[in-house]
Amino acid sequence: MEAQKGDRLLMHGRIVGQHDRVAEVVEVLGTNGTPPYRVRFQDGHETIMSPGPDTVVQHEKMADG
């Protein structure tokens, strides 16, 4: 898994009824875009995490110059 600052991590719920969660990568702590990442959830909570296989990286779209 590789992510960059500004990318979003979509974490799928692992049990029935659990909603997906989205977090923004605010800092990459690993080398070459690898985990761990400092992330911020939509409610403002920040944590350091190494995402599991139930997580998908949604890359930030680059603005046209």
N, C-alpha and C. Protein backbone atom coordinates (compact mmCIF):
# COMPACT_ATOMS: atom_id res chain seq x y z
N MET A 1 0.85 -1.17 0.00
CA MET A 1 0.00 0.00 0.00
C MET A 1 0.89 1.23 0.00
N GLU A 2 0.54 2.19 -0.86
CA GLU A 2 1.25 3.46 -0.92
C GLU A 2 0.24 4.59 -0.96
N ALA A 3 0.50 5.63 -0.18
CA ALA A 3 -0.37 6.80 -0.14
C ALA A 3 0.50 8.03 0.03
N GLN A 4 -0.09 9.18 -0.26
CA GLN A 4 0.59 10.45 -0.11
C GLN A 4 -0.30 11.38 0.71
N LYS A 5 0.31 12.42 1.24
CA LYS A 5 -0.45 13.42 1.98
C LYS A 5 -1.59 13.92 1.10
N GLY A 6 -2.79 13.98 1.65
CA GLY A 6 -3.96 14.43 0.91
C GLY A 6 -4.81 13.30 0.37
N ASP A 7 -4.24 12.09 0.25
CA ASP A 7 -5.03 10.94 -0.18
C ASP A 7 -6.05 10.57 0.91
N ARG A 8 -7.05 9.83 0.52
CA ARG A 8 -8.05 9.36 1.48
C ARG A 8 -7.96 7.85 1.61
N LEU A 9 -8.17 7.37 2.82
CA LEU A 9 -8.23 5.94 3.07
C LEU A 9 -9.68 5.58 3.33
N LEU A 10 -10.21 4.64 2.56
CA LEU A 10 -11.57 4.15 2.73
C LEU A 10 -11.46 2.79 3.41
N MET A 11 -11.93 2.73 4.66
CA MET A 11 -11.87 1.49 5.43
C MET A 11 -13.26 0.86 5.45
N HIS A 12 -13.38 -0.29 4.82
CA HIS A 12 -14.66 -0.98 4.73
C HIS A 12 -15.01 -1.59 6.08
N GLY A 13 -16.30 -1.53 6.44
CA GLY A 13 -16.76 -2.18 7.66
C GLY A 13 -16.56 -3.68 7.56
N ARG A 14 -16.12 -4.29 8.66
CA ARG A 14 -15.81 -5.72 8.63
C ARG A 14 -16.90 -6.59 9.22
N ILE A 15 -17.92 -5.97 9.79
CA ILE A 15 -19.04 -6.74 10.32
C ILE A 15 -20.35 -6.16 9.79
N VAL A 16 -21.37 -6.96 9.77
CA VAL A 16 -22.67 -6.53 9.24
C VAL A 16 -23.16 -5.33 10.04
N GLY A 17 -23.58 -4.29 9.33
CA GLY A 17 -24.10 -3.09 9.97
C GLY A 17 -23.05 -2.03 10.27
N GLN A 18 -21.78 -2.37 10.14
CA GLN A 18 -20.72 -1.40 10.39
C GLN A 18 -20.50 -0.58 9.12
N HIS A 19 -20.51 0.73 9.26
CA HIS A 19 -20.35 1.61 8.11
C HIS A 19 -18.88 1.75 7.71
N ASP A 20 -18.66 2.09 6.44
CA ASP A 20 -17.32 2.40 5.98
C ASP A 20 -16.87 3.69 6.64
N ARG A 21 -15.56 3.82 6.83
CA ARG A 21 -14.99 5.04 7.42
C ARG A 21 -13.99 5.63 6.43
N VAL A 22 -13.90 6.95 6.42
CA VAL A 22 -12.98 7.65 5.54
C VAL A 22 -12.05 8.50 6.39
N ALA A 23 -10.76 8.45 6.08
CA ALA A 23 -9.78 9.29 6.77
C ALA A 23 -8.85 9.91 5.74
N GLU A 24 -8.42 11.13 5.99
CA GLU A 24 -7.46 11.81 5.12
C GLU A 24 -6.05 11.61 5.66
N VAL A 25 -5.12 11.29 4.77
CA VAL A 25 -3.72 11.15 5.16
C VAL A 25 -3.16 12.55 5.35
N VAL A 26 -2.71 12.86 6.57
CA VAL A 26 -2.14 14.18 6.84
C VAL A 26 -0.61 14.11 6.94
N GLU A 27 -0.06 12.89 7.11
CA GLU A 27 1.39 12.73 7.14
C GLU A 27 1.74 11.28 6.86
N VAL A 28 2.74 11.06 6.02
CA VAL A 28 3.24 9.72 5.73
C VAL A 28 4.48 9.51 6.59
N LEU A 29 4.44 8.50 7.47
CA LEU A 29 5.54 8.26 8.39
C LEU A 29 6.48 7.16 7.92
N GLY A 30 6.05 6.36 6.94
CA GLY A 30 6.89 5.32 6.38
C GLY A 30 7.73 5.87 5.23
N THR A 31 8.49 4.99 4.61
CA THR A 31 9.33 5.42 3.49
C THR A 31 8.62 5.15 2.16
N ASN A 32 8.81 6.05 1.21
CA ASN A 32 8.24 5.90 -0.14
C ASN A 32 6.74 5.69 -0.14
N GLY A 33 6.02 6.38 0.74
CA GLY A 33 4.56 6.32 0.75
C GLY A 33 3.96 5.14 1.48
N THR A 34 4.79 4.37 2.18
CA THR A 34 4.28 3.19 2.90
C THR A 34 3.85 3.56 4.32
N PRO A 35 2.99 2.72 4.92
CA PRO A 35 2.55 2.98 6.30
C PRO A 35 3.73 2.95 7.27
N PRO A 36 3.52 3.53 8.45
CA PRO A 36 2.27 4.06 9.00
C PRO A 36 1.96 5.47 8.49
N TYR A 37 0.68 5.85 8.68
CA TYR A 37 0.20 7.16 8.28
C TYR A 37 -0.44 7.85 9.48
N ARG A 38 -0.29 9.17 9.54
CA ARG A 38 -1.09 9.96 10.47
C ARG A 38 -2.32 10.36 9.67
N VAL A 39 -3.51 10.05 10.19
CA VAL A 39 -4.74 10.30 9.46
C VAL A 39 -5.70 11.13 10.31
N ARG A 40 -6.61 11.82 9.62
CA ARG A 40 -7.66 12.60 10.27
C ARG A 40 -9.01 12.11 9.75
N PHE A 41 -9.85 11.70 10.69
CA PHE A 41 -11.20 11.25 10.34
C PHE A 41 -12.13 12.46 10.18
N GLN A 42 -13.30 12.23 9.62
CA GLN A 42 -14.24 13.31 9.33
C GLN A 42 -14.70 14.05 10.58
N ASP A 43 -14.64 13.39 11.75
CA ASP A 43 -15.04 14.04 12.99
C ASP A 43 -13.90 14.84 13.63
N GLY A 44 -12.73 14.90 12.96
CA GLY A 44 -11.59 15.65 13.45
C GLY A 44 -10.58 14.84 14.25
N HIS A 45 -10.93 13.60 14.60
CA HIS A 45 -10.02 12.73 15.36
C HIS A 45 -8.81 12.37 14.51
N GLU A 46 -7.61 12.46 15.10
CA GLU A 46 -6.38 12.07 14.41
C GLU A 46 -5.75 10.88 15.11
N THR A 47 -5.12 10.00 14.33
CA THR A 47 -4.43 8.85 14.87
C THR A 47 -3.35 8.41 13.89
N ILE A 48 -2.46 7.55 14.36
CA ILE A 48 -1.46 6.93 13.50
C ILE A 48 -1.91 5.51 13.25
N MET A 49 -1.89 5.10 11.98
CA MET A 49 -2.38 3.76 11.66
C MET A 49 -1.60 3.13 10.51
N SER A 50 -1.59 1.82 10.53
CA SER A 50 -1.09 1.01 9.42
C SER A 50 -2.30 0.23 8.91
N PRO A 51 -2.91 0.68 7.81
CA PRO A 51 -4.15 0.09 7.32
C PRO A 51 -4.02 -1.39 6.96
N GLY A 52 -5.12 -2.11 7.14
CA GLY A 52 -5.17 -3.52 6.80
C GLY A 52 -5.72 -3.75 5.41
N PRO A 53 -5.98 -5.02 5.07
CA PRO A 53 -6.44 -5.37 3.72
C PRO A 53 -7.86 -4.89 3.41
N ASP A 54 -8.59 -4.42 4.42
CA ASP A 54 -9.95 -3.91 4.19
C ASP A 54 -9.95 -2.42 3.86
N THR A 55 -8.77 -1.86 3.57
CA THR A 55 -8.64 -0.43 3.30
C THR A 55 -8.21 -0.19 1.85
N VAL A 56 -8.81 0.83 1.23
CA VAL A 56 -8.51 1.21 -0.14
C VAL A 56 -8.00 2.65 -0.14
N VAL A 57 -6.94 2.90 -0.90
CA VAL A 57 -6.41 4.27 -1.03
C VAL A 57 -7.13 4.96 -2.18
N GLN A 58 -7.67 6.14 -1.90
CA GLN A 58 -8.26 6.98 -2.93
C GLN A 58 -7.30 8.15 -3.12
N HIS A 59 -6.56 8.13 -4.22
CA HIS A 59 -5.52 9.13 -4.45
C HIS A 59 -6.13 10.49 -4.73
N GLU A 60 -5.48 11.52 -4.17
CA GLU A 60 -5.90 12.90 -4.40
C GLU A 60 -5.72 13.22 -5.87
N LYS A 61 -6.71 13.85 -6.45
CA LYS A 61 -6.61 14.23 -7.86
C LYS A 61 -5.72 15.45 -7.97
N MET A 62 -4.83 15.42 -8.93
CA MET A 62 -3.91 16.53 -9.16
C MET A 62 -4.67 17.65 -9.90
N ALA A 63 -4.44 18.89 -9.48
CA ALA A 63 -5.06 20.03 -10.15
C ALA A 63 -4.33 20.31 -11.46
N ASP A 64 -5.10 20.69 -12.48
CA ASP A 64 -4.49 21.03 -13.77
C ASP A 64 -3.76 22.35 -13.64
N GLY A 65 -2.54 22.43 -14.20
CA GLY A 65 -1.72 23.64 -14.08
C GLY A 65 -1.92 24.49 -15.21
